[in-house]
Amino acid sequence: MHALLMILLVIVSLALIVVVLLQSGKSAGLSGAISGGAEQLFGKQKARGMDLILHRVTIVLAVIFFLLTIIVTKF
């Protein structure tokens, strides 16, 4: 059981890394970070298409990763 959980954890970890690297950057440079944060805060910038899918997949994989990590530490 422990070996199966560890294999799943490694697969989810690698998938999470790949999905995060596939996402496009939200802003470029320091000036983009300041204005990009304001746009994100007030909801003027909406994610569409592939960015939205990657964002949702990232959330799901992160939740699975944390759950698997907690379960592995219990065994």
N, C-alpha and C. Protein backbone atom coordinates (compact mmCIF):
# COMPACT_ATOMS: atom_id res chain seq x y z
N MET A 1 0.83 -1.19 0.00
CA MET A 1 0.00 0.00 0.00
C MET A 1 0.88 1.26 0.00
N HIS A 2 1.91 1.24 0.82
CA HIS A 2 2.81 2.39 0.90
C HIS A 2 3.51 2.64 -0.43
N ALA A 3 3.93 1.57 -1.09
CA ALA A 3 4.62 1.72 -2.37
C ALA A 3 3.68 2.30 -3.42
N LEU A 4 2.44 1.86 -3.45
CA LEU A 4 1.46 2.39 -4.39
C LEU A 4 1.22 3.88 -4.16
N LEU A 5 1.09 4.27 -2.89
CA LEU A 5 0.90 5.68 -2.56
C LEU A 5 2.10 6.52 -2.96
N MET A 6 3.29 5.99 -2.77
CA MET A 6 4.50 6.72 -3.15
C MET A 6 4.59 6.89 -4.67
N ILE A 7 4.22 5.85 -5.41
CA ILE A 7 4.23 5.95 -6.87
C ILE A 7 3.22 6.99 -7.33
N LEU A 8 2.02 6.98 -6.75
CA LEU A 8 1.01 7.99 -7.08
C LEU A 8 1.49 9.39 -6.74
N LEU A 9 2.18 9.52 -5.61
CA LEU A 9 2.69 10.82 -5.19
C LEU A 9 3.74 11.35 -6.18
N VAL A 10 4.60 10.48 -6.65
CA VAL A 10 5.61 10.89 -7.63
C VAL A 10 4.95 11.30 -8.95
N ILE A 11 3.96 10.53 -9.39
CA ILE A 11 3.27 10.85 -10.64
C ILE A 11 2.55 12.18 -10.53
N VAL A 12 1.84 12.40 -9.43
CA VAL A 12 1.12 13.66 -9.23
C VAL A 12 2.11 14.82 -9.13
N SER A 13 3.23 14.61 -8.47
CA SER A 13 4.24 15.66 -8.34
C SER A 13 4.79 16.07 -9.70
N LEU A 14 5.12 15.09 -10.53
CA LEU A 14 5.63 15.39 -11.86
C LEU A 14 4.57 16.08 -12.72
N ALA A 15 3.33 15.63 -12.62
CA ALA A 15 2.25 16.25 -13.38
C ALA A 15 2.04 17.70 -12.94
N LEU A 16 2.13 17.95 -11.63
CA LEU A 16 1.97 19.30 -11.11
C LEU A 16 3.08 20.21 -11.61
N ILE A 17 4.29 19.72 -11.64
CA ILE A 17 5.42 20.50 -12.15
C ILE A 17 5.21 20.84 -13.62
N VAL A 18 4.80 19.86 -14.41
CA VAL A 18 4.59 20.08 -15.85
C VAL A 18 3.47 21.10 -16.08
N VAL A 19 2.37 20.97 -15.35
CA VAL A 19 1.24 21.88 -15.54
C VAL A 19 1.62 23.31 -15.15
N VAL A 20 2.37 23.47 -14.08
CA VAL A 20 2.79 24.81 -13.67
C VAL A 20 3.73 25.42 -14.70
N LEU A 21 4.63 24.62 -15.26
CA LEU A 21 5.55 25.14 -16.26
C LEU A 21 4.86 25.46 -17.58
N LEU A 22 3.74 24.82 -17.87
CA LEU A 22 3.00 25.10 -19.10
C LEU A 22 2.21 26.40 -19.04
N GLN A 23 1.95 26.89 -17.84
CA GLN A 23 1.16 28.11 -17.71
C GLN A 23 1.97 29.31 -18.17
N SER A 24 1.27 30.25 -18.79
CA SER A 24 1.94 31.46 -19.23
C SER A 24 2.08 32.42 -18.06
N GLY A 25 3.11 33.28 -18.15
CA GLY A 25 3.33 34.27 -17.10
C GLY A 25 2.24 35.32 -17.12
N LYS A 26 1.85 35.79 -15.96
CA LYS A 26 0.80 36.80 -15.87
C LYS A 26 1.32 38.20 -16.15
N SER A 27 2.58 38.45 -15.87
CA SER A 27 3.14 39.78 -16.09
C SER A 27 4.64 39.65 -16.37
N ALA A 28 5.20 40.69 -16.93
CA ALA A 28 6.63 40.69 -17.24
C ALA A 28 7.29 41.86 -16.53
N GLY A 29 8.26 41.57 -15.72
CA GLY A 29 9.01 42.62 -15.06
C GLY A 29 8.31 43.17 -13.82
N LEU A 30 8.98 44.12 -13.18
CA LEU A 30 8.46 44.70 -11.94
C LEU A 30 7.25 45.58 -12.19
N SER A 31 7.26 46.37 -13.26
CA SER A 31 6.11 47.23 -13.54
C SER A 31 4.88 46.42 -13.87
N GLY A 32 5.06 45.30 -14.54
CA GLY A 32 3.93 44.42 -14.84
C GLY A 32 3.41 43.75 -13.59
N ALA A 33 4.29 43.49 -12.63
CA ALA A 33 3.85 42.86 -11.38
C ALA A 33 2.97 43.81 -10.58
N ILE A 34 3.29 45.10 -10.60
CA ILE A 34 2.50 46.07 -9.85
C ILE A 34 1.14 46.28 -10.50
N SER A 35 1.13 46.53 -11.80
CA SER A 35 -0.16 46.76 -12.47
C SER A 35 -0.94 45.47 -12.63
N GLY A 36 -0.24 44.36 -12.84
CA GLY A 36 -0.92 43.07 -12.98
C GLY A 36 -1.62 42.66 -11.71
N GLY A 37 -1.03 42.97 -10.56
CA GLY A 37 -1.67 42.66 -9.29
C GLY A 37 -2.93 43.44 -9.08
N ALA A 38 -2.92 44.71 -9.51
CA ALA A 38 -4.12 45.54 -9.37
C ALA A 38 -5.22 45.03 -10.28
N GLU A 39 -4.87 44.64 -11.50
CA GLU A 39 -5.89 44.12 -12.42
C GLU A 39 -6.46 42.81 -11.90
N GLN A 40 -5.61 41.97 -11.36
CA GLN A 40 -6.07 40.70 -10.82
C GLN A 40 -6.98 40.92 -9.62
N LEU A 41 -6.64 41.91 -8.80
CA LEU A 41 -7.41 42.18 -7.59
C LEU A 41 -8.82 42.65 -7.92
N PHE A 42 -8.94 43.49 -8.91
CA PHE A 42 -10.25 44.05 -9.25
C PHE A 42 -10.98 43.25 -10.31
N GLY A 43 -10.42 42.14 -10.77
CA GLY A 43 -11.10 41.23 -11.67
C GLY A 43 -11.23 41.68 -13.10
N LYS A 44 -10.36 42.57 -13.56
CA LYS A 44 -10.43 43.03 -14.94
C LYS A 44 -9.80 42.04 -15.90
N GLN A 45 -8.97 41.16 -15.37
CA GLN A 45 -8.27 40.21 -16.22
C GLN A 45 -8.82 38.82 -15.95
N LYS A 46 -9.50 38.26 -16.92
CA LYS A 46 -10.11 36.94 -16.78
C LYS A 46 -9.28 35.92 -17.56
N ALA A 47 -9.11 34.75 -16.97
CA ALA A 47 -8.41 33.68 -17.67
C ALA A 47 -9.37 33.02 -18.65
N ARG A 48 -8.87 32.72 -19.85
CA ARG A 48 -9.71 32.11 -20.87
C ARG A 48 -8.98 30.96 -21.53
N GLY A 49 -9.74 30.04 -22.04
CA GLY A 49 -9.20 28.96 -22.85
C GLY A 49 -8.27 28.05 -22.09
N MET A 50 -7.08 27.87 -22.67
CA MET A 50 -6.11 26.94 -22.12
C MET A 50 -5.61 27.39 -20.75
N ASP A 51 -5.48 28.68 -20.53
CA ASP A 51 -5.03 29.17 -19.22
C ASP A 51 -6.01 28.79 -18.12
N LEU A 52 -7.30 28.87 -18.42
CA LEU A 52 -8.32 28.49 -17.43
C LEU A 52 -8.26 27.01 -17.13
N ILE A 53 -8.08 26.19 -18.16
CA ILE A 53 -7.98 24.74 -17.97
C ILE A 53 -6.75 24.41 -17.14
N LEU A 54 -5.62 25.01 -17.49
CA LEU A 54 -4.39 24.74 -16.73
C LEU A 54 -4.50 25.21 -15.29
N HIS A 55 -5.20 26.32 -15.07
CA HIS A 55 -5.39 26.82 -13.71
C HIS A 55 -6.21 25.82 -12.88
N ARG A 56 -7.27 25.32 -13.46
CA ARG A 56 -8.12 24.36 -12.74
C ARG A 56 -7.41 23.04 -12.51
N VAL A 57 -6.64 22.57 -13.50
CA VAL A 57 -5.88 21.34 -13.34
C VAL A 57 -4.83 21.50 -12.25
N THR A 58 -4.22 22.67 -12.18
CA THR A 58 -3.23 22.94 -11.14
C THR A 58 -3.86 22.85 -9.75
N ILE A 59 -5.04 23.41 -9.60
CA ILE A 59 -5.72 23.36 -8.30
C ILE A 59 -6.04 21.93 -7.91
N VAL A 60 -6.57 21.16 -8.86
CA VAL A 60 -6.92 19.76 -8.58
C VAL A 60 -5.68 18.95 -8.22
N LEU A 61 -4.62 19.11 -9.00
CA LEU A 61 -3.39 18.36 -8.72
C LEU A 61 -2.77 18.78 -7.39
N ALA A 62 -2.85 20.05 -7.04
CA ALA A 62 -2.31 20.50 -5.76
C ALA A 62 -3.07 19.89 -4.60
N VAL A 63 -4.39 19.83 -4.71
CA VAL A 63 -5.20 19.23 -3.64
C VAL A 63 -4.87 17.74 -3.52
N ILE A 64 -4.78 17.04 -4.66
CA ILE A 64 -4.43 15.62 -4.63
C ILE A 64 -3.05 15.43 -4.04
N PHE A 65 -2.10 16.30 -4.40
CA PHE A 65 -0.74 16.21 -3.86
C PHE A 65 -0.73 16.33 -2.34
N PHE A 66 -1.44 17.33 -1.81
CA PHE A 66 -1.45 17.52 -0.37
C PHE A 66 -2.15 16.36 0.34
N LEU A 67 -3.23 15.88 -0.23
CA LEU A 67 -3.91 14.74 0.39
C LEU A 67 -3.04 13.49 0.39
N LEU A 68 -2.38 13.22 -0.73
CA LEU A 68 -1.50 12.07 -0.79
C LEU A 68 -0.32 12.21 0.17
N THR A 69 0.19 13.41 0.31
CA THR A 69 1.31 13.65 1.23
C THR A 69 0.89 13.37 2.67
N ILE A 70 -0.29 13.84 3.04
CA ILE A 70 -0.80 13.59 4.39
C ILE A 70 -1.04 12.10 4.61
N ILE A 71 -1.61 11.43 3.62
CA ILE A 71 -1.88 10.00 3.75
C ILE A 71 -0.58 9.21 3.85
N VAL A 72 0.43 9.58 3.07
CA VAL A 72 1.72 8.87 3.11
C VAL A 72 2.38 9.04 4.47
N THR A 73 2.26 10.20 5.08
CA THR A 73 2.89 10.40 6.39
C THR A 73 2.18 9.60 7.49
N LYS A 74 0.92 9.25 7.28
CA LYS A 74 0.19 8.47 8.28
C LYS A 74 0.60 7.01 8.26
N PHE A 75 1.06 6.52 7.08
CA PHE A 75 1.41 5.10 6.97
C PHE A 75 2.84 4.89 7.29
